[in-house]
N, C-alpha and C. Protein backbone atom coordinates (compact mmCIF):
# COMPACT_ATOMS: atom_id res chain seq x y z
N MET A 1 73.64 174.74 -67.31
CA MET A 1 73.36 174.14 -66.02
C MET A 1 73.02 172.67 -66.21
N ALA A 2 73.30 171.90 -65.18
CA ALA A 2 73.08 170.47 -65.28
C ALA A 2 72.35 169.96 -64.05
N LYS A 3 71.76 168.81 -64.21
CA LYS A 3 71.14 168.12 -63.09
C LYS A 3 72.20 167.24 -62.45
N GLU A 4 72.20 167.22 -61.13
CA GLU A 4 73.04 166.27 -60.41
C GLU A 4 72.09 165.32 -59.70
N TYR A 5 72.01 164.09 -60.20
CA TYR A 5 71.15 163.10 -59.57
C TYR A 5 71.78 162.66 -58.26
N VAL A 6 70.97 162.56 -57.22
CA VAL A 6 71.46 162.26 -55.88
C VAL A 6 70.63 161.16 -55.24
N LYS A 7 71.24 160.51 -54.28
CA LYS A 7 70.56 159.52 -53.46
C LYS A 7 69.98 160.26 -52.26
N VAL A 8 68.69 160.03 -51.95
CA VAL A 8 68.01 160.77 -50.90
C VAL A 8 67.45 159.82 -49.86
N ARG A 9 67.58 160.18 -48.60
CA ARG A 9 66.91 159.49 -47.50
C ARG A 9 65.77 160.41 -47.07
N ALA A 10 64.56 159.85 -46.99
CA ALA A 10 63.40 160.68 -46.69
C ALA A 10 62.42 159.94 -45.80
N ASP A 11 61.60 160.71 -45.11
CA ASP A 11 60.48 160.17 -44.34
C ASP A 11 59.23 160.25 -45.20
N PHE A 12 58.45 159.18 -45.21
CA PHE A 12 57.15 159.16 -45.87
C PHE A 12 56.11 159.27 -44.77
N LEU A 13 55.41 160.38 -44.72
CA LEU A 13 54.51 160.68 -43.62
C LEU A 13 53.12 160.11 -43.85
N PRO A 14 52.35 159.90 -42.77
CA PRO A 14 51.01 159.31 -42.89
C PRO A 14 50.06 160.09 -43.81
N ASP A 15 50.27 161.39 -43.95
CA ASP A 15 49.40 162.19 -44.81
C ASP A 15 49.77 162.07 -46.29
N GLY A 16 50.79 161.26 -46.61
CA GLY A 16 51.20 161.05 -47.99
C GLY A 16 52.33 161.95 -48.45
N SER A 17 52.73 162.89 -47.62
CA SER A 17 53.82 163.79 -48.00
C SER A 17 55.17 163.11 -47.77
N ILE A 18 56.18 163.67 -48.41
CA ILE A 18 57.55 163.16 -48.31
C ILE A 18 58.42 164.27 -47.75
N ARG A 19 59.24 163.96 -46.75
CA ARG A 19 60.15 164.94 -46.19
C ARG A 19 61.58 164.43 -46.34
N PRO A 20 62.37 165.04 -47.24
CA PRO A 20 63.77 164.63 -47.38
C PRO A 20 64.56 164.99 -46.13
N LEU A 21 65.41 164.06 -45.70
CA LEU A 21 66.22 164.26 -44.49
C LEU A 21 67.69 164.51 -44.81
N MET A 22 68.19 163.85 -45.85
CA MET A 22 69.59 164.01 -46.26
C MET A 22 69.74 163.53 -47.68
N PHE A 23 70.83 163.95 -48.33
CA PHE A 23 71.14 163.43 -49.66
C PHE A 23 72.63 163.19 -49.77
N LYS A 24 72.97 162.33 -50.71
CA LYS A 24 74.37 161.98 -50.96
C LYS A 24 74.68 162.38 -52.40
N THR A 25 75.69 163.22 -52.58
CA THR A 25 76.06 163.69 -53.91
C THR A 25 76.77 162.59 -54.70
N GLU A 26 76.97 162.84 -55.98
CA GLU A 26 77.62 161.86 -56.85
C GLU A 26 79.04 161.54 -56.39
N ASP A 27 79.70 162.51 -55.73
CA ASP A 27 81.06 162.26 -55.25
C ASP A 27 81.09 161.65 -53.84
N GLY A 28 79.90 161.30 -53.29
CA GLY A 28 79.82 160.58 -52.03
C GLY A 28 79.64 161.45 -50.80
N GLU A 29 79.59 162.76 -50.96
CA GLU A 29 79.41 163.65 -49.82
C GLU A 29 77.99 163.55 -49.27
N LYS A 30 77.86 163.35 -47.97
CA LYS A 30 76.55 163.30 -47.32
C LYS A 30 76.20 164.71 -46.82
N VAL A 31 74.99 165.15 -47.15
CA VAL A 31 74.54 166.48 -46.75
C VAL A 31 73.22 166.34 -46.00
N LEU A 32 73.22 166.79 -44.75
CA LEU A 32 72.01 166.76 -43.94
C LEU A 32 71.14 167.97 -44.26
N ILE A 33 69.84 167.75 -44.32
CA ILE A 33 68.89 168.83 -44.56
C ILE A 33 68.39 169.30 -43.21
N ASP A 34 68.64 170.56 -42.89
CA ASP A 34 68.23 171.12 -41.61
C ASP A 34 66.74 171.45 -41.60
N ARG A 35 66.25 171.94 -42.73
CA ARG A 35 64.86 172.39 -42.77
C ARG A 35 64.37 172.44 -44.21
N VAL A 36 63.12 172.03 -44.42
CA VAL A 36 62.47 172.18 -45.72
C VAL A 36 61.68 173.47 -45.66
N LEU A 37 62.02 174.42 -46.52
CA LEU A 37 61.41 175.75 -46.50
C LEU A 37 60.14 175.84 -47.34
N ASP A 38 60.08 175.04 -48.43
CA ASP A 38 58.93 175.13 -49.34
C ASP A 38 58.86 173.85 -50.16
N VAL A 39 57.63 173.45 -50.48
CA VAL A 39 57.40 172.29 -51.34
C VAL A 39 56.29 172.65 -52.30
N ARG A 40 56.55 172.47 -53.63
CA ARG A 40 55.52 172.74 -54.63
C ARG A 40 55.94 172.17 -55.98
N PRO A 41 54.96 171.85 -56.84
CA PRO A 41 55.30 171.47 -58.22
C PRO A 41 55.92 172.68 -58.92
N ALA A 42 57.04 172.45 -59.59
CA ALA A 42 57.72 173.57 -60.23
C ALA A 42 58.67 173.06 -61.30
N PRO A 43 58.94 173.89 -62.32
CA PRO A 43 59.95 173.52 -63.30
C PRO A 43 61.35 173.79 -62.75
N ALA A 44 62.30 173.01 -63.22
CA ALA A 44 63.71 173.26 -62.91
C ALA A 44 64.21 174.20 -64.00
N LEU A 45 64.14 175.49 -63.75
CA LEU A 45 64.41 176.49 -64.77
C LEU A 45 65.84 176.44 -65.29
N LYS A 46 66.80 176.18 -64.41
CA LYS A 46 68.20 176.18 -64.82
C LYS A 46 68.61 174.86 -65.45
N ALA A 47 68.09 173.74 -64.93
CA ALA A 47 68.53 172.42 -65.38
C ALA A 47 67.58 171.78 -66.38
N GLY A 48 66.37 172.30 -66.48
CA GLY A 48 65.38 171.68 -67.36
C GLY A 48 64.65 170.56 -66.65
N GLY A 49 63.44 170.33 -67.06
CA GLY A 49 62.63 169.29 -66.44
C GLY A 49 61.63 169.89 -65.47
N GLN A 50 60.89 169.03 -64.82
CA GLN A 50 59.87 169.47 -63.90
C GLN A 50 59.66 168.40 -62.85
N GLY A 51 59.14 168.79 -61.71
CA GLY A 51 58.85 167.85 -60.64
C GLY A 51 58.39 168.58 -59.41
N VAL A 52 58.47 167.91 -58.29
CA VAL A 52 58.15 168.54 -57.02
C VAL A 52 59.45 169.17 -56.51
N ARG A 53 59.42 170.49 -56.30
CA ARG A 53 60.62 171.19 -55.85
C ARG A 53 60.59 171.36 -54.33
N TYR A 54 61.66 170.91 -53.68
CA TYR A 54 61.85 171.08 -52.25
C TYR A 54 62.95 172.12 -52.08
N VAL A 55 62.60 173.25 -51.49
CA VAL A 55 63.60 174.26 -51.15
C VAL A 55 64.09 173.89 -49.76
N CYS A 56 65.37 173.50 -49.68
CA CYS A 56 65.92 172.96 -48.44
C CYS A 56 67.07 173.81 -47.94
N ARG A 57 67.14 173.93 -46.63
CA ARG A 57 68.26 174.62 -46.00
C ARG A 57 69.20 173.57 -45.43
N THR A 58 70.48 173.67 -45.81
CA THR A 58 71.52 172.81 -45.26
C THR A 58 72.42 173.70 -44.38
N GLU A 59 73.44 173.11 -43.79
CA GLU A 59 74.38 173.91 -42.99
C GLU A 59 74.98 175.05 -43.80
N GLU A 60 75.27 174.76 -45.06
CA GLU A 60 76.03 175.69 -45.87
C GLU A 60 75.18 176.65 -46.69
N LYS A 61 74.03 176.19 -47.20
CA LYS A 61 73.30 177.01 -48.16
C LYS A 61 71.88 176.51 -48.36
N THR A 62 71.15 177.23 -49.20
CA THR A 62 69.82 176.81 -49.62
C THR A 62 69.97 176.06 -50.94
N VAL A 63 69.35 174.88 -51.04
CA VAL A 63 69.45 174.07 -52.26
C VAL A 63 68.05 173.77 -52.78
N TYR A 64 67.97 173.55 -54.08
CA TYR A 64 66.73 173.17 -54.74
C TYR A 64 66.81 171.70 -55.11
N LEU A 65 66.05 170.89 -54.40
CA LEU A 65 66.02 169.44 -54.58
C LEU A 65 64.70 169.08 -55.26
N PHE A 66 64.78 168.36 -56.37
CA PHE A 66 63.59 168.01 -57.15
C PHE A 66 63.34 166.51 -57.11
N LEU A 67 62.08 166.15 -57.03
CA LEU A 67 61.65 164.76 -57.19
C LEU A 67 60.92 164.70 -58.52
N ASP A 68 61.53 164.03 -59.50
CA ASP A 68 60.97 163.88 -60.84
C ASP A 68 60.61 162.42 -61.03
N ARG A 69 59.34 162.10 -60.84
CA ARG A 69 58.84 160.72 -60.82
C ARG A 69 59.52 159.96 -59.69
N GLU A 70 60.45 159.06 -59.99
CA GLU A 70 61.13 158.29 -58.95
C GLU A 70 62.58 158.72 -58.73
N ARG A 71 63.02 159.78 -59.40
CA ARG A 71 64.42 160.18 -59.31
C ARG A 71 64.55 161.57 -58.67
N TRP A 72 65.55 161.71 -57.82
CA TRP A 72 65.83 162.97 -57.16
C TRP A 72 67.03 163.64 -57.86
N PHE A 73 66.95 164.96 -58.02
CA PHE A 73 68.12 165.68 -58.54
C PHE A 73 68.21 167.05 -57.91
N LEU A 74 69.44 167.57 -57.90
CA LEU A 74 69.71 168.93 -57.46
C LEU A 74 69.84 169.80 -58.69
N GLU A 75 69.36 171.01 -58.58
CA GLU A 75 69.57 171.98 -59.64
C GLU A 75 70.85 172.72 -59.31
N GLU A 76 71.87 172.56 -60.13
CA GLU A 76 73.17 173.20 -59.87
C GLU A 76 73.22 174.57 -60.49
């Protein structure tokens, strides 16, 4: 398994939390996030590494989006 680093657009809320709104894959596809289902510190078991894991629902599927320091990646 590999990490796919992505560009993310997010809201930074007054309480200090971050809510991702959409991401752009390496091939340029824009994916809107319909809903964030869960947020917690967690390891990326398949791709390796650790960060804040956002379980997100998109039109097509549930994705695991990680924030590792200043970089965002998807666990493929």
